[in-house]
PDB file of N, CA and C in Angstrom:
ATOM      1  N   UNK A   1     -42.126 -53.382 118.273  1.00  0.00           N
ATOM      2  CA  UNK A   1     -41.417 -52.072 118.552  1.00  0.00           C
ATOM      3  C   UNK A   1     -40.563 -52.108 120.020  1.00  0.00           C
ATOM      4  N   UNK A   2     -40.997 -53.118 120.937  1.00  0.00           N
ATOM      5  CA  UNK A   2     -40.352 -53.058 122.172  1.00  0.00           C
ATOM      6  C   UNK A   2     -39.094 -54.085 122.169  1.00  0.00           C
ATOM      7  N   UNK A   3     -39.218 -55.028 121.136  1.00  0.00           N
ATOM      8  CA  UNK A   3     -37.754 -55.613 121.107  1.00  0.00           C
ATOM      9  C   UNK A   3     -36.715 -54.769 120.321  1.00  0.00           C
ATOM     10  N   UNK A   4     -36.824 -54.319 119.430  1.00  0.00           N
ATOM     11  CA  UNK A   4     -36.072 -53.464 118.672  1.00  0.00           C
ATOM     12  C   UNK A   4     -36.315 -51.915 118.936  1.00  0.00           C
ATOM     13  N   UNK A   5     -36.268 -51.178 119.896  1.00  0.00           N
ATOM     14  CA  UNK A   5     -36.594 -49.812 120.049  1.00  0.00           C
ATOM     15  C   UNK A   5     -35.733 -48.983 119.190  1.00  0.00           C
ATOM     16  N   UNK A   6     -36.511 -48.062 118.727  1.00  0.00           N
ATOM     17  CA  UNK A   6     -35.811 -46.919 117.841  1.00  0.00           C
ATOM     18  C   UNK A   6     -36.498 -45.600 117.854  1.00  0.00           C
ATOM     19  N   UNK A   7     -35.849 -44.573 117.810  1.00  0.00           N
ATOM     20  CA  UNK A   7     -36.470 -43.008 117.644  1.00  0.00           C
ATOM     21  C   UNK A   7     -37.350 -43.006 116.299  1.00  0.00           C
ATOM     22  N   UNK A   8     -38.645 -42.482 116.899  1.00  0.00           N
ATOM     23  CA  UNK A   8     -39.546 -42.296 115.765  1.00  0.00           C
ATOM     24  C   UNK A   8     -39.441 -40.696 115.362  1.00  0.00           C
ATOM     25  N   UNK A   9     -39.095 -40.410 114.278  1.00  0.00           N
ATOM     26  CA  UNK A   9     -38.763 -39.030 113.665  1.00  0.00           C
ATOM     27  C   UNK A   9     -39.971 -38.706 112.683  1.00  0.00           C
ATOM     28  N   UNK A  10     -40.646 -37.515 113.068  1.00  0.00           N
ATOM     29  CA  UNK A  10     -41.629 -37.256 112.203  1.00  0.00           C
ATOM     30  C   UNK A  10     -41.115 -35.795 111.697  1.00  0.00           C
ATOM     31  N   UNK A  11     -40.970 -35.757 110.238  1.00  0.00           N
ATOM     32  CA  UNK A  11     -40.508 -34.534 109.514  1.00  0.00           C
ATOM     33  C   UNK A  11     -41.656 -33.749 109.284  1.00  0.00           C
ATOM     34  N   UNK A  12     -42.084 -32.816 110.026  1.00  0.00           N
ATOM     35  CA  UNK A  12     -43.333 -32.019 109.838  1.00  0.00           C
ATOM     36  C   UNK A  12     -43.215 -31.142 108.532  1.00  0.00           C
ATOM     37  N   UNK A  13     -41.995 -30.879 107.832  1.00  0.00           N
ATOM     38  CA  UNK A  13     -42.026 -30.140 106.764  1.00  0.00           C
ATOM     39  C   UNK A  13     -42.512 -31.022 105.834  1.00  0.00           C
ATOM     40  N   UNK A  14     -42.206 -32.380 105.537  1.00  0.00           N
ATOM     41  CA  UNK A  14     -42.471 -33.227 104.630  1.00  0.00           C
ATOM     42  C   UNK A  14     -44.082 -33.680 104.880  1.00  0.00           C
ATOM     43  N   UNK A  15     -44.523 -33.533 106.060  1.00  0.00           N
ATOM     44  CA  UNK A  15     -45.957 -33.665 106.032  1.00  0.00           C
ATOM     45  C   UNK A  15     -46.557 -32.633 105.320  1.00  0.00           C
ATOM     46  N   UNK A  16     -46.341 -31.410 105.787  1.00  0.00           N
ATOM     47  CA  UNK A  16     -46.845 -30.117 105.210  1.00  0.00           C
ATOM     48  C   UNK A  16     -46.733 -30.244 103.859  1.00  0.00           C
ATOM     49  N   UNK A  17     -45.728 -30.627 102.946  1.00  0.00           N
ATOM     50  CA  UNK A  17     -45.727 -30.623 101.731  1.00  0.00           C
ATOM     51  C   UNK A  17     -46.914 -31.699 101.030  1.00  0.00           C
ATOM     52  N   UNK A  18     -46.946 -32.661 101.734  1.00  0.00           N
ATOM     53  CA  UNK A  18     -47.795 -33.610 101.137  1.00  0.00           C
ATOM     54  C   UNK A  18     -49.405 -33.201 101.283  1.00  0.00           C
ATOM     55  N   UNK A  19     -49.700 -32.461 102.396  1.00  0.00           N
ATOM     56  CA  UNK A  19     -51.205 -31.949 102.716  1.00  0.00           C
ATOM     57  C   UNK A  19     -51.808 -33.198 103.223  1.00  0.00           C
ATOM     58  N   UNK A  20     -52.985 -32.451 103.681  1.00  0.00           N
ATOM     59  CA  UNK A  20     -53.867 -33.431 104.888  1.00  0.00           C
ATOM     60  C   UNK A  20     -54.830 -34.095 103.906  1.00  0.00           C
ATOM     61  N   UNK A  21     -55.176 -33.464 102.682  1.00  0.00           N
ATOM     62  CA  UNK A  21     -56.437 -34.196 102.047  1.00  0.00           C
ATOM     63  C   UNK A  21     -56.066 -35.486 101.262  1.00  0.00           C
ATOM     64  N   UNK A  22     -54.611 -35.569 100.813  1.00  0.00           N
ATOM     65  CA  UNK A  22     -54.187 -37.088 100.181  1.00  0.00           C
ATOM     66  C   UNK A  22     -54.091 -38.210 101.023  1.00  0.00           C
ATOM     67  N   UNK A  23     -55.081 -39.010 100.934  1.00  0.00           N
ATOM     68  CA  UNK A  23     -55.039 -40.204 102.002  1.00  0.00           C
ATOM     69  C   UNK A  23     -53.935 -41.077 101.669  1.00  0.00           C
ATOM     70  N   UNK A  24     -53.830 -41.363 100.483  1.00  0.00           N
ATOM     71  CA  UNK A  24     -52.816 -42.466  99.924  1.00  0.00           C
ATOM     72  C   UNK A  24     -51.408 -41.725 100.355  1.00  0.00           C
ATOM     73  N   UNK A  25     -51.169 -40.733 100.588  1.00  0.00           N
ATOM     74  CA  UNK A  25     -49.994 -39.827 100.745  1.00  0.00           C
ATOM     75  C   UNK A  25     -49.782 -40.128 102.495  1.00  0.00           C
ATOM     76  N   UNK A  26     -50.848 -40.194 103.063  1.00  0.00           N
ATOM     77  CA  UNK A  26     -50.987 -40.581 104.744  1.00  0.00           C
ATOM     78  C   UNK A  26     -50.321 -41.966 104.926  1.00  0.00           C
ATOM     79  N   UNK A  27     -50.861 -42.629 103.994  1.00  0.00           N
ATOM     80  CA  UNK A  27     -50.225 -44.134 104.435  1.00  0.00           C
ATOM     81  C   UNK A  27     -48.601 -44.206 103.939  1.00  0.00           C
ATOM     82  N   UNK A  28     -48.253 -43.359 102.965  1.00  0.00           N
ATOM     83  CA  UNK A  28     -46.760 -43.239 102.807  1.00  0.00           C
ATOM     84  C   UNK A  28     -46.064 -42.400 104.012  1.00  0.00           C
ATOM     85  N   UNK A  29     -46.494 -41.619 104.389  1.00  0.00           N
ATOM     86  CA  UNK A  29     -45.883 -41.119 105.604  1.00  0.00           C
ATOM     87  C   UNK A  29     -46.161 -41.881 106.779  1.00  0.00           C
ATOM     88  N   UNK A  30     -47.024 -42.721 107.128  1.00  0.00           N
ATOM     89  CA  UNK A  30     -46.644 -43.688 108.321  1.00  0.00           C
ATOM     90  C   UNK A  30     -45.575 -44.654 108.115  1.00  0.00           C
ATOM     91  N   UNK A  31     -45.754 -44.967 106.637  1.00  0.00           N
ATOM     92  CA  UNK A  31     -44.564 -45.758 106.281  1.00  0.00           C
ATOM     93  C   UNK A  31     -43.051 -45.258 106.631  1.00  0.00           C
ATOM     94  N   UNK A  32     -43.166 -44.058 105.999  1.00  0.00           N
ATOM     95  CA  UNK A  32     -41.836 -43.474 106.156  1.00  0.00           C
ATOM     96  C   UNK A  32     -41.570 -43.104 107.903  1.00  0.00           C
ATOM     97  N   UNK A  33     -42.446 -43.033 108.650  1.00  0.00           N
ATOM     98  CA  UNK A  33     -42.364 -42.757 110.114  1.00  0.00           C
ATOM     99  C   UNK A  33     -42.144 -43.829 110.844  1.00  0.00           C
ATOM    100  N   UNK A  34     -42.830 -44.890 110.449  1.00  0.00           N
ATOM    101  CA  UNK A  34     -42.677 -46.102 111.390  1.00  0.00           C
ATOM    102  C   UNK A  34     -42.074 -47.139 110.874  1.00  0.00           C
ATOM    103  N   UNK A  35     -41.278 -46.997 109.711  1.00  0.00           N
ATOM    104  CA  UNK A  35     -40.733 -47.925 108.921  1.00  0.00           C
ATOM    105  C   UNK A  35     -41.174 -49.399 109.050  1.00  0.00           C
ATOM    106  N   UNK A  36     -40.517 -50.436 109.291  1.00  0.00           N
ATOM    107  CA  UNK A  36     -40.780 -51.909 109.414  1.00  0.00           C
ATOM    108  C   UNK A  36     -41.990 -52.199 110.595  1.00  0.00           C
ATOM    109  N   UNK A  37     -42.343 -51.130 111.186  1.00  0.00           N
ATOM    110  CA  UNK A  37     -42.997 -51.355 112.295  1.00  0.00           C
ATOM    111  C   UNK A  37     -44.609 -51.176 111.826  1.00  0.00           C
ATOM    112  N   UNK A  38     -44.731 -50.384 110.521  1.00  0.00           N
ATOM    113  CA  UNK A  38     -46.041 -50.124 109.877  1.00  0.00           C
ATOM    114  C   UNK A  38     -46.553 -51.390 109.217  1.00  0.00           C
ATOM    115  N   UNK A  39     -47.819 -51.717 109.386  1.00  0.00           N
ATOM    116  CA  UNK A  39     -48.362 -53.049 108.985  1.00  0.00           C
ATOM    117  C   UNK A  39     -49.564 -52.388 108.191  1.00  0.00           C
ATOM    118  N   UNK A  40     -49.750 -52.668 107.094  1.00  0.00           N
ATOM    119  CA  UNK A  40     -50.914 -52.051 106.258  1.00  0.00           C
ATOM    120  C   UNK A  40     -52.268 -52.840 106.562  1.00  0.00           C
ATOM    121  N   UNK A  41     -52.312 -54.074 106.514  1.00  0.00           N
ATOM    122  CA  UNK A  41     -53.486 -54.891 106.681  1.00  0.00           C
ATOM    123  C   UNK A  41     -53.381 -55.895 107.844  1.00  0.00           C
ATOM    124  N   UNK A  42     -54.207 -55.654 108.943  1.00  0.00           N
ATOM    125  CA  UNK A  42     -54.194 -56.375 110.403  1.00  0.00           C
ATOM    126  C   UNK A  42     -55.492 -56.563 110.735  1.00  0.00           C
ATOM    127  N   UNK A  43     -55.945 -57.691 111.289  1.00  0.00           N
ATOM    128  CA  UNK A  43     -57.219 -58.056 111.793  1.00  0.00           C
ATOM    129  C   UNK A  43     -57.437 -57.139 112.823  1.00  0.00           C
ATOM    130  N   UNK A  44     -58.558 -56.752 113.178  1.00  0.00           N
ATOM    131  CA  UNK A  44     -59.150 -55.762 113.973  1.00  0.00           C
ATOM    132  C   UNK A  44     -58.841 -56.083 115.616  1.00  0.00           C
ATOM    133  N   UNK A  45     -58.490 -55.320 116.229  1.00  0.00           N
ATOM    134  CA  UNK A  45     -58.238 -55.721 117.787  1.00  0.00           C
ATOM    135  C   UNK A  45     -59.544 -56.081 118.586  1.00  0.00           C
ATOM    136  N   UNK A  46     -59.667 -57.218 119.147  1.00  0.00           N
ATOM    137  CA  UNK A  46     -60.736 -57.424 120.251  1.00  0.00           C
ATOM    138  C   UNK A  46     -60.936 -56.517 121.307  1.00  0.00           C
ATOM    139  N   UNK A  47     -59.989 -55.945 121.378  1.00  0.00           N
ATOM    140  CA  UNK A  47     -59.823 -54.797 122.657  1.00  0.00           C
ATOM    141  C   UNK A  47     -61.060 -53.837 122.617  1.00  0.00           C
ATOM    142  N   UNK A  48     -61.084 -53.106 121.378  1.00  0.00           N
ATOM    143  CA  UNK A  48     -62.152 -52.118 121.331  1.00  0.00           C
ATOM    144  C   UNK A  48     -63.723 -52.584 121.590  1.00  0.00           C
ATOM    145  N   UNK A  49     -63.958 -53.787 121.063  1.00  0.00           N
ATOM    146  CA  UNK A  49     -65.272 -54.712 121.500  1.00  0.00           C
ATOM    147  C   UNK A  49     -65.426 -54.895 122.890  1.00  0.00           C
ATOM    148  N   UNK A  50     -64.325 -55.282 123.431  1.00  0.00           N
ATOM    149  CA  UNK A  50     -64.331 -55.625 124.954  1.00  0.00           C
ATOM    150  C   UNK A  50     -64.692 -54.347 125.737  1.00  0.00           C
ATOM    151  N   UNK A  51     -64.060 -53.082 125.569  1.00  0.00           N
ATOM    152  CA  UNK A  51     -64.070 -52.204 126.126  1.00  0.00           C
ATOM    153  C   UNK A  51     -65.739 -51.444 125.983  1.00  0.00           C
ATOM    154  N   UNK A  52     -66.229 -51.483 124.700  1.00  0.00           N
ATOM    155  CA  UNK A  52     -67.439 -51.117 124.622  1.00  0.00           C
ATOM    156  C   UNK A  52     -68.277 -52.171 125.548  1.00  0.00           C
ATOM    157  N   UNK A  53     -68.172 -53.566 125.660  1.00  0.00           N
ATOM    158  CA  UNK A  53     -68.960 -54.244 126.198  1.00  0.00           C
ATOM    159  C   UNK A  53     -68.829 -53.926 127.896  1.00  0.00           C
ATOM    160  N   UNK A  54     -67.725 -53.613 128.330  1.00  0.00           N
ATOM    161  CA  UNK A  54     -67.451 -53.295 129.658  1.00  0.00           C
ATOM    162  C   UNK A  54     -68.217 -51.786 130.053  1.00  0.00           C
ATOM    163  N   UNK A  55     -68.231 -51.012 129.128  1.00  0.00           N
ATOM    164  CA  UNK A  55     -68.887 -49.755 129.539  1.00  0.00           C
ATOM    165  C   UNK A  55     -70.315 -49.930 129.438  1.00  0.00           C
ATOM    166  N   UNK A  56     -71.020 -50.853 128.575  1.00  0.00           N
ATOM    167  CA  UNK A  56     -72.201 -50.923 128.513  1.00  0.00           C
ATOM    168  C   UNK A  56     -72.656 -51.683 129.842  1.00  0.00           C
ATOM    169  N   UNK A  57     -71.897 -52.764 130.242  1.00  0.00           N
ATOM    170  CA  UNK A  57     -72.485 -53.285 131.489  1.00  0.00           C
ATOM    171  C   UNK A  57     -72.214 -52.345 132.670  1.00  0.00           C
ATOM    172  N   UNK A  58     -71.300 -51.479 132.537  1.00  0.00           N
ATOM    173  CA  UNK A  58     -71.268 -50.510 133.836  1.00  0.00           C
ATOM    174  C   UNK A  58     -72.478 -49.389 133.430  1.00  0.00           C
ATOM    175  N   UNK A  59     -72.638 -49.148 132.404  1.00  0.00           N
ATOM    176  CA  UNK A  59     -73.968 -48.258 132.242  1.00  0.00           C
ATOM    177  C   UNK A  59     -75.402 -48.995 132.501  1.00  0.00           C
ATOM    178  N   UNK A  60     -75.531 -49.978 132.494  1.00  0.00           N
ATOM    179  CA  UNK A  60     -76.486 -50.668 132.719  1.00  0.00           C
ATOM    180  C   UNK A  60     -76.739 -51.021 134.320  1.00  0.00           C
ATOM    181  N   UNK A  61     -75.710 -50.748 134.967  1.00  0.00           N
ATOM    182  CA  UNK A  61     -75.330 -51.001 136.320  1.00  0.00           C
ATOM    183  C   UNK A  61     -75.233 -52.592 136.527  1.00  0.00           C
ATOM    184  N   UNK A  62     -74.882 -53.487 135.581  1.00  0.00           N
ATOM    185  CA  UNK A  62     -74.389 -55.019 136.012  1.00  0.00           C
ATOM    186  C   UNK A  62     -73.269 -55.064 136.753  1.00  0.00           C
ATOM    187  N   UNK A  63     -72.368 -53.962 136.315  1.00  0.00           N
ATOM    188  CA  UNK A  63     -71.006 -54.236 136.990  1.00  0.00           C
ATOM    189  C   UNK A  63     -70.561 -52.723 137.408  1.00  0.00           C
ATOM    190  N   UNK A  64     -69.993 -52.711 138.930  1.00  0.00           N
ATOM    191  CA  UNK A  64     -69.508 -51.379 138.983  1.00  0.00           C
ATOM    192  C   UNK A  64     -68.197 -51.096 138.266  1.00  0.00           C
ATOM    193  N   UNK A  65     -68.081 -49.758 138.021  1.00  0.00           N
ATOM    194  CA  UNK A  65     -66.670 -49.328 137.555  1.00  0.00           C
ATOM    195  C   UNK A  65     -65.408 -49.978 138.462  1.00  0.00           C
ATOM    196  N   UNK A  66     -65.677 -49.770 139.749  1.00  0.00           N
ATOM    197  CA  UNK A  66     -64.576 -50.210 140.560  1.00  0.00           C
ATOM    198  C   UNK A  66     -64.370 -51.480 140.313  1.00  0.00           C
ATOM    199  N   UNK A  67     -65.238 -52.371 140.179  1.00  0.00           N
ATOM    200  CA  UNK A  67     -64.952 -54.007 139.998  1.00  0.00           C
ATOM    201  C   UNK A  67     -64.498 -54.215 138.652  1.00  0.00           C
ATOM    202  N   UNK A  68     -64.823 -53.280 137.589  1.00  0.00           N
ATOM    203  CA  UNK A  68     -64.209 -53.419 136.295  1.00  0.00           C
ATOM    204  C   UNK A  68     -62.546 -53.040 136.577  1.00  0.00           C
ATOM    205  N   UNK A  69     -62.331 -51.964 137.123  1.00  0.00           N
ATOM    206  CA  UNK A  69     -60.729 -51.474 137.446  1.00  0.00           C
ATOM    207  C   UNK A  69     -60.103 -52.538 138.176  1.00  0.00           C
ATOM    208  N   UNK A  70     -60.723 -53.312 138.987  1.00  0.00           N
ATOM    209  CA  UNK A  70     -59.998 -54.166 139.917  1.00  0.00           C
ATOM    210  C   UNK A  70     -59.323 -55.408 138.847  1.00  0.00           C
ATOM    211  N   UNK A  71     -60.295 -55.650 138.169  1.00  0.00           N
ATOM    212  CA  UNK A  71     -60.111 -56.708 137.117  1.00  0.00           C
ATOM    213  C   UNK A  71     -58.985 -56.188 136.114  1.00  0.00           C
ATOM    214  N   UNK A  72     -58.852 -54.869 135.669  1.00  0.00           N
ATOM    215  CA  UNK A  72     -57.865 -54.332 134.732  1.00  0.00           C
ATOM    216  C   UNK A  72     -56.642 -54.492 135.618  1.00  0.00           C
ATOM    217  N   UNK A  73     -56.460 -53.924 136.888  1.00  0.00           N
ATOM    218  CA  UNK A  73     -55.218 -53.858 137.578  1.00  0.00           C
ATOM    219  C   UNK A  73     -54.995 -55.297 137.705  1.00  0.00           C
ATOM    220  N   UNK A  74     -55.895 -56.330 138.045  1.00  0.00           N
ATOM    221  CA  UNK A  74     -55.158 -57.738 138.181  1.00  0.00           C
ATOM    222  C   UNK A  74     -54.709 -58.395 137.063  1.00  0.00           C
ATOM    223  N   UNK A  75     -55.329 -57.981 135.644  1.00  0.00           N
ATOM    224  CA  UNK A  75     -54.586 -58.443 134.455  1.00  0.00           C
ATOM    225  C   UNK A  75     -53.077 -57.811 134.360  1.00  0.00           C
ATOM    226  N   UNK A  76     -53.005 -56.415 134.877  1.00  0.00           N
ATOM    227  CA  UNK A  76     -51.757 -56.225 134.754  1.00  0.00           C
ATOM    228  C   UNK A  76     -50.686 -56.363 135.611  1.00  0.00           C
TER     229      UNK A  76
END
């Protein structure tokens, strides 16, 4: 998405017509909105697990939140 940026347009009227209950239509709506950027099957990101681990370490007192934030800023 960063290499070929384009506007993402959400047609609220079209979404309202489809209804919220129909899960299959939600996937179609995502494809319509995101176009080529929508990928149906992808492996799960390890980021969520890493964030959970970091939170658990901070909750147990193994690491301070300040130390975790320093690491985060260092990565960026």
